[in-house]
Protein backbone atom coordinates (compact mmCIF):
# COMPACT_ATOMS: atom_id res chain seq x y z
CA UNK A 1 -0.03 0.02 -0.01
CA UNK A 2 1.10 3.64 -0.69
CA UNK A 3 2.91 5.17 2.22
CA UNK A 4 3.95 1.93 4.10
CA UNK A 5 7.44 1.74 2.66
CA UNK A 6 10.69 3.85 2.41
CA UNK A 7 13.41 3.18 0.06
CA UNK A 8 16.89 2.43 1.38
CA UNK A 9 20.27 1.99 -0.32
CA UNK A 10 21.10 -1.71 0.43
CA UNK A 11 24.35 -2.18 -1.52
CA UNK A 12 26.62 -0.53 -4.10
CA UNK A 13 29.17 -1.45 -6.61
CA UNK A 14 31.43 0.14 -9.15
CA UNK A 15 33.57 -0.92 -12.21
CA UNK A 16 36.15 0.80 -14.18
CA UNK A 17 38.32 -0.31 -16.93
CA UNK A 18 41.92 -1.38 -16.26
CA UNK A 19 43.58 0.76 -18.74
CA UNK A 20 44.68 4.06 -16.99
CA UNK A 21 44.98 7.09 -19.26
CA UNK A 22 47.26 9.93 -17.57
CA UNK A 23 47.15 13.40 -18.71
CA UNK A 24 50.52 13.24 -20.27
CA UNK A 25 48.90 10.85 -22.93
CA UNK A 26 46.96 13.70 -24.47
CA UNK A 27 50.20 15.59 -25.45
CA UNK A 28 50.44 12.89 -28.42
CA UNK A 29 47.39 14.55 -29.80
CA UNK A 30 46.79 18.15 -28.77
CA UNK A 31 48.76 21.10 -27.39
CA UNK A 32 48.45 20.46 -23.71
CA UNK A 33 50.16 19.16 -20.60
CA UNK A 34 49.59 17.55 -17.28
CA UNK A 35 49.81 20.93 -15.50
CA UNK A 36 47.35 22.60 -17.77
CA UNK A 37 44.80 19.83 -17.42
CA UNK A 38 45.14 19.53 -13.68
CA UNK A 39 45.10 23.27 -13.09
CA UNK A 40 41.81 23.68 -15.19
CA UNK A 41 40.03 20.50 -14.08
CA UNK A 42 41.64 18.89 -11.12
CA UNK A 43 41.80 15.65 -13.28
CA UNK A 44 45.22 13.59 -13.17
CA UNK A 45 44.06 10.37 -15.18
CA UNK A 46 41.02 8.52 -16.26
CA UNK A 47 40.20 5.07 -17.40
CA UNK A 48 39.25 4.19 -20.98
CA UNK A 49 37.73 0.74 -22.27
CA UNK A 50 39.40 -1.62 -24.44
CA UNK A 51 38.25 -4.24 -26.99
CA UNK A 52 35.44 -6.15 -25.80
CA UNK A 53 34.35 -3.77 -23.24
CA UNK A 54 31.39 -1.39 -23.25
CA UNK A 55 29.02 0.27 -20.99
CA UNK A 56 27.05 -2.99 -20.84
CA UNK A 57 29.98 -5.15 -19.59
CA UNK A 58 31.08 -2.63 -17.26
CA UNK A 59 27.36 -2.30 -15.82
CA UNK A 60 27.18 -6.08 -15.68
CA UNK A 61 30.39 -6.16 -13.11
CA UNK A 62 29.10 -3.15 -11.08
CA UNK A 63 25.62 -4.85 -10.70
CA UNK A 64 27.35 -8.22 -9.76
CA UNK A 65 29.34 -6.53 -7.06
CA UNK A 66 26.20 -4.62 -5.74
CA UNK A 67 24.35 -7.99 -5.61
CA UNK A 68 27.36 -9.65 -3.90
CA UNK A 69 27.41 -6.92 -1.17
CA UNK A 70 23.81 -7.32 -0.43
CA UNK A 71 22.13 -10.55 1.00
CA UNK A 72 19.93 -10.83 -1.95
CA UNK A 73 19.73 -13.33 -4.70
CA UNK A 74 19.17 -12.63 -8.47
CA UNK A 75 15.66 -13.80 -8.24
CA UNK A 76 14.90 -11.30 -5.57
CA UNK A 77 15.44 -8.22 -7.94
CA UNK A 78 11.97 -6.90 -9.22
CA UNK A 79 13.26 -4.17 -11.50
CA UNK A 80 16.45 -3.14 -13.29
CA UNK A 81 17.30 0.49 -14.65
CA UNK A 82 20.43 1.35 -16.52
CA UNK A 83 21.14 4.98 -17.11
CA UNK A 84 23.35 5.61 -19.94
CA UNK A 85 23.94 7.84 -23.04
CA UNK A 86 26.51 5.26 -24.58
CA UNK A 87 24.56 2.00 -24.52
CA UNK A 88 26.31 -1.10 -26.19
CA UNK A 89 23.63 -1.34 -28.55
CA UNK A 90 20.41 0.66 -29.46
CA UNK A 91 18.72 -2.68 -28.96
CA UNK A 92 18.78 -4.76 -26.72
CA UNK A 93 19.11 -2.34 -23.95
CA UNK A 94 21.94 -2.57 -21.51
CA UNK A 95 19.48 -3.29 -18.72
CA UNK A 96 18.44 -6.55 -20.61
CA UNK A 97 22.11 -7.35 -21.01
CA UNK A 98 22.52 -6.99 -17.13
CA UNK A 99 19.47 -8.77 -16.59
CA UNK A 100 20.70 -11.79 -18.50
CA UNK A 101 24.22 -11.72 -16.99
CA UNK A 102 22.71 -11.64 -13.37
CA UNK A 103 20.22 -14.58 -14.25
CA UNK A 104 17.05 -12.76 -12.99
CA UNK A 105 13.64 -14.01 -13.44
CA UNK A 106 11.34 -12.24 -16.14
CA UNK A 107 11.14 -8.60 -14.62
CA UNK A 108 11.12 -5.18 -16.06
CA UNK A 109 14.46 -4.00 -17.27
CA UNK A 110 15.18 -0.79 -19.21
CA UNK A 111 17.40 2.10 -20.00
CA UNK A 112 17.01 5.76 -19.67
CA UNK A 113 18.94 8.72 -20.90
CA UNK A 114 19.68 11.70 -18.97
CA UNK A 115 23.32 12.03 -19.39
CA UNK A 116 25.19 12.79 -16.11
CA UNK A 117 22.04 13.21 -14.18
CA UNK A 118 20.96 9.71 -15.36
CA UNK A 119 21.57 7.82 -12.05
CA UNK A 120 19.48 10.41 -9.93
CA UNK A 121 16.63 9.85 -12.47
CA UNK A 122 17.00 6.09 -12.09
CA UNK A 123 16.87 6.61 -8.31
CA UNK A 124 13.76 8.69 -8.66
CA UNK A 125 11.90 5.96 -10.57
CA UNK A 126 13.23 3.42 -8.04
CA UNK A 127 12.01 5.19 -5.19
CA UNK A 128 8.56 5.47 -6.52
CA UNK A 129 8.39 1.93 -7.28
CA UNK A 130 9.42 1.01 -3.69
CA UNK A 131 7.31 3.41 -1.94
CA UNK A 132 4.41 2.46 -3.65
CA UNK A 133 4.76 -1.41 -2.93
CA UNK A 134 5.33 -1.96 -6.70
CA UNK A 135 8.70 -3.27 -5.99
CA UNK A 136 10.60 -4.71 -3.16
CA UNK A 137 14.23 -4.40 -4.57
CA UNK A 138 15.42 -2.32 -7.56
CA UNK A 139 18.79 -2.46 -9.10
CA UNK A 140 19.91 0.79 -10.70
CA UNK A 141 23.12 1.27 -12.73
CA UNK A 142 24.86 4.16 -14.20
CA UNK A 143 27.34 3.30 -16.95
CA UNK A 144 28.97 5.07 -19.81
CA UNK A 145 31.98 4.96 -22.16
CA UNK A 146 32.38 8.50 -23.28
CA UNK A 147 35.82 7.86 -24.45
CA UNK A 148 34.21 6.38 -27.85
CA UNK A 149 32.67 9.74 -28.47
CA UNK A 150 35.79 11.81 -28.14
CA UNK A 151 37.38 14.16 -30.58
CA UNK A 152 41.08 13.81 -29.83
CA UNK A 153 41.84 17.15 -31.76
CA UNK A 154 39.64 19.19 -29.49
CA UNK A 155 41.71 19.60 -26.48
CA UNK A 156 38.85 21.35 -24.44
CA UNK A 157 36.66 18.34 -24.32
CA UNK A 158 38.83 15.22 -24.94
CA UNK A 159 40.73 15.69 -21.88
CA UNK A 160 37.56 15.56 -19.43
CA UNK A 161 35.92 12.26 -19.94
CA UNK A 162 36.33 8.68 -18.74
CA UNK A 163 34.72 5.36 -18.67
CA UNK A 164 32.98 3.70 -15.72
CA UNK A 165 29.94 2.11 -14.24
CA UNK A 166 28.27 2.31 -10.64
CA UNK A 167 25.42 0.43 -9.34
CA UNK A 168 23.15 0.49 -6.23
CA UNK A 169 20.42 -1.68 -4.96
CA UNK A 170 17.58 -0.10 -3.44
CA UNK A 171 15.20 -1.90 -1.02
CA UNK A 172 11.78 -1.31 0.50
CA UNK A 173 11.92 -0.84 4.23
CA UNK A 174 9.50 0.32 7.03
CA UNK A 175 12.22 2.31 8.53
CA UNK A 176 11.62 6.20 8.48
CA UNK A 177 14.70 7.52 9.76
CA UNK A 178 16.79 5.83 6.97
CA UNK A 179 16.63 6.00 3.15
CA UNK A 180 15.66 8.32 0.42
CA UNK A 181 14.28 11.42 1.88
CA UNK A 182 13.73 13.13 -1.43
CA UNK A 183 14.73 13.17 -5.05
CA UNK A 184 14.40 16.12 -7.26
CA UNK A 185 15.04 16.04 -11.06
CA UNK A 186 14.69 18.61 -13.90
CA UNK A 187 15.37 19.29 -17.39
CA UNK A 188 15.42 22.13 -19.82
CA UNK A 189 15.61 21.40 -23.35
CA UNK A 190 16.12 25.03 -24.56
CA UNK A 191 19.77 25.03 -24.54
CA UNK A 192 20.15 21.46 -25.41
CA UNK A 193 22.90 22.23 -28.13
CA UNK A 194 25.37 23.09 -25.12
CA UNK A 195 26.25 19.45 -24.77
CA UNK A 196 25.60 17.33 -27.86
CA UNK A 197 26.43 13.71 -29.04
CA UNK A 198 25.13 12.66 -32.24
CA UNK A 199 24.40 9.12 -33.01
CA UNK A 200 24.27 6.81 -35.82
CA UNK A 201 20.40 7.78 -36.36
CA UNK A 202 21.00 11.39 -36.11
CA UNK A 203 19.64 13.19 -39.37
CA UNK A 204 22.34 13.91 -41.96
CA UNK A 205 23.15 17.46 -42.52
CA UNK A 206 23.11 18.98 -46.10
CA UNK A 207 26.16 18.22 -48.27
CA UNK A 208 27.66 21.40 -47.66
CA UNK A 209 27.71 21.26 -43.80
CA UNK A 210 30.15 19.29 -41.77
CA UNK A 211 28.85 16.25 -39.92
CA UNK A 212 30.07 16.32 -36.22
CA UNK A 213 30.54 12.70 -35.00
CA UNK A 214 31.96 13.35 -31.84
CA UNK A 215 30.76 15.01 -28.43
CA UNK A 216 30.60 18.71 -28.69
CA UNK A 217 30.27 21.05 -25.75
CA UNK A 218 30.15 24.87 -25.08
CA UNK A 219 32.70 24.88 -22.23
CA UNK A 220 32.05 28.30 -20.83
CA UNK A 221 28.32 28.24 -20.90
CA UNK A 222 28.13 24.65 -19.53
CA UNK A 223 30.39 26.01 -16.55
CA UNK A 224 28.10 28.69 -15.67
CA UNK A 225 25.06 26.30 -16.00
CA UNK A 226 26.79 23.69 -13.75
CA UNK A 227 27.84 26.18 -11.22
CA UNK A 228 24.31 27.81 -10.94
CA UNK A 229 22.45 24.36 -10.67
CA UNK A 230 24.93 22.96 -7.94
CA UNK A 231 24.53 26.21 -6.02
CA UNK A 232 20.85 26.04 -6.17
CA UNK A 233 20.63 22.25 -5.60
CA UNK A 234 22.74 22.49 -2.50
CA UNK A 235 21.17 25.51 -1.03
CA UNK A 236 17.56 23.91 -1.40
CA UNK A 237 19.03 20.78 0.16
CA UNK A 238 20.53 22.62 3.13
CA UNK A 239 17.20 24.23 3.85
CA UNK A 240 15.25 21.01 3.35
CA UNK A 241 17.35 19.17 5.70
CA UNK A 242 17.29 22.00 8.28
CA UNK A 243 13.76 22.00 8.43
CA UNK A 244 13.62 18.28 8.77
CA UNK A 245 16.04 18.55 11.74
CA UNK A 246 18.80 16.81 9.67
CA UNK A 247 22.37 18.02 8.62
CA UNK A 248 24.18 17.02 5.52
CA UNK A 249 27.21 14.73 6.55
CA UNK A 250 28.63 14.33 3.11
CA UNK A 251 28.03 15.89 -0.40
CA UNK A 252 28.62 13.63 -3.27
CA UNK A 253 28.55 15.94 -6.53
CA UNK A 254 28.84 14.89 -9.98
CA UNK A 255 32.53 14.57 -10.70
CA UNK A 256 32.98 16.89 -13.61
CA UNK A 257 35.44 19.66 -12.83
CA UNK A 258 37.07 20.78 -9.56
CA UNK A 259 36.76 24.49 -10.41
CA UNK A 260 32.88 24.01 -10.69
CA UNK A 261 32.78 22.26 -7.39
CA UNK A 262 34.96 24.92 -5.76
CA UNK A 263 32.83 27.79 -6.95
CA UNK A 264 29.67 26.16 -5.86
CA UNK A 265 31.14 25.54 -2.45
CA UNK A 266 32.25 29.01 -2.19
CA UNK A 267 28.99 30.39 -2.80
CA UNK A 268 27.13 28.09 -0.64
CA UNK A 269 29.47 28.05 2.28
CA UNK A 270 29.37 24.32 2.51
CA UNK A 271 32.65 22.74 4.13
CA UNK A 272 34.99 21.30 1.61
CA UNK A 273 36.13 18.58 3.97
CA UNK A 274 32.63 17.18 3.78
CA UNK A 275 32.63 16.76 -0.03
CA UNK A 276 33.44 13.42 -1.84
CA UNK A 277 35.84 14.13 -4.80
CA UNK A 278 37.60 11.46 -6.78
CA UNK A 279 37.56 12.99 -10.41
CA UNK A 280 41.32 13.35 -10.22
CA UNK A 281 41.39 9.41 -10.72
CA UNK A 282 38.28 8.98 -13.24
CA UNK A 283 37.48 12.22 -14.83
CA UNK A 284 33.80 12.70 -15.93
CA UNK A 285 32.21 9.38 -16.30
CA UNK A 286 28.71 10.76 -17.12
CA UNK A 287 25.97 8.67 -15.33
CA UNK A 288 28.56 6.59 -13.76
CA UNK A 289 30.14 9.52 -11.79
CA UNK A 290 27.75 9.75 -8.76
CA UNK A 291 27.47 5.93 -8.14
CA UNK A 292 31.06 5.30 -8.36
CA UNK A 293 31.80 8.16 -5.82
CA UNK A 294 29.04 6.79 -3.62
CA UNK A 295 30.63 3.40 -3.71
CA UNK A 296 33.93 4.66 -2.90
CA UNK A 297 32.84 6.91 -0.12
CA UNK A 298 31.10 3.59 1.58
CA UNK A 299 34.01 1.37 0.83
CA UNK A 300 36.61 3.78 2.41
CA UNK A 301 34.38 5.03 5.46
CA UNK A 302 33.81 8.50 4.19
CA UNK A 303 30.13 7.72 4.53
CA UNK A 304 28.80 5.50 7.33
CA UNK A 305 25.52 4.09 8.60
CA UNK A 306 23.41 6.90 9.87
CA UNK A 307 25.16 9.63 7.74
CA UNK A 308 22.88 11.89 5.69
CA UNK A 309 24.22 12.31 1.95
CA UNK A 310 23.42 14.84 -0.73
CA UNK A 311 23.83 13.55 -4.15
CA UNK A 312 23.98 16.06 -6.91
CA UNK A 313 24.25 16.02 -10.77
CA UNK A 314 23.87 18.06 -13.89
CA UNK A 315 24.42 17.32 -17.32
CA UNK A 316 23.25 17.05 -21.08
CA UNK A 317 19.59 17.52 -21.95
CA UNK A 318 20.11 20.01 -20.16
CA UNK A 319 19.30 17.98 -16.84
CA UNK A 320 20.10 18.43 -13.32
CA UNK A 321 18.97 16.83 -10.00
CA UNK A 322 19.49 16.01 -6.23
CA UNK A 323 18.96 13.23 -3.75
CA UNK A 324 18.80 13.43 0.02
CA UNK A 325 19.41 9.74 1.44
CA UNK A 326 20.43 8.69 5.04
CA UNK A 327 22.25 5.52 5.27
């Protein structure tokens, strides 16, 4: 029945490729340096997939690790959602590949596309299934391989991205002090061209126009959008928690650019020692960014049972969102 359940994070898992790509690697393609990249982004290295790897294979590994960390079996999962903008195939969906790899019984399994905010979109859907009693256990996965969309002659974009996957199992629970307190997700398609990745089915331009086959982004405008939205989301969450008698123990933002995170923290006054940042190791992994950071926070003890977390993301679409969760 509606209102009898809360959704709690039961377990997490993450997967990144073994291939490490340091900043120096890009000097083979563009005029850049390790210092130039670090000073402008905070990134030192990232992971790129190799032959035989995809967003689906990374998602499978992350999902298996999340399942192994829980006390559940594949037949206990009631729904699988995979957030990705770089699926292995247009059909079948990544979620179906993950479903088969886990050996689940016939259940709903689908992908969604909301770029870097995709994991929070998936969490919002899972939360509603669980709170209404339509599901007991939901597996959500964020997985992307943006290395396969990059133009290695564009130094402003190719240095930013990496590949990876993160997963979480959310379960229905009668506990009120724990779980997802709120998820807020938004989109504005007006400035959608600020971040653009064409696909094989994208309409072909006229013969006299150049076809862009790689990710394109307007760095200056995306920076302003990201800072503005992170400030709004963080400020709103602080107020929401204060009204509920809570405080935010750890902020886990989308791992996109250290300067974006720093600018938002300066404006909101949120203490930097309560922010989970791992972008120096992975770069921007799109929908995998937040769940990878969440998994690392749990595994390293940065986030502990009873802590209240604020998850914040923003990306192409344009999309943005937040979630307040007590572990």
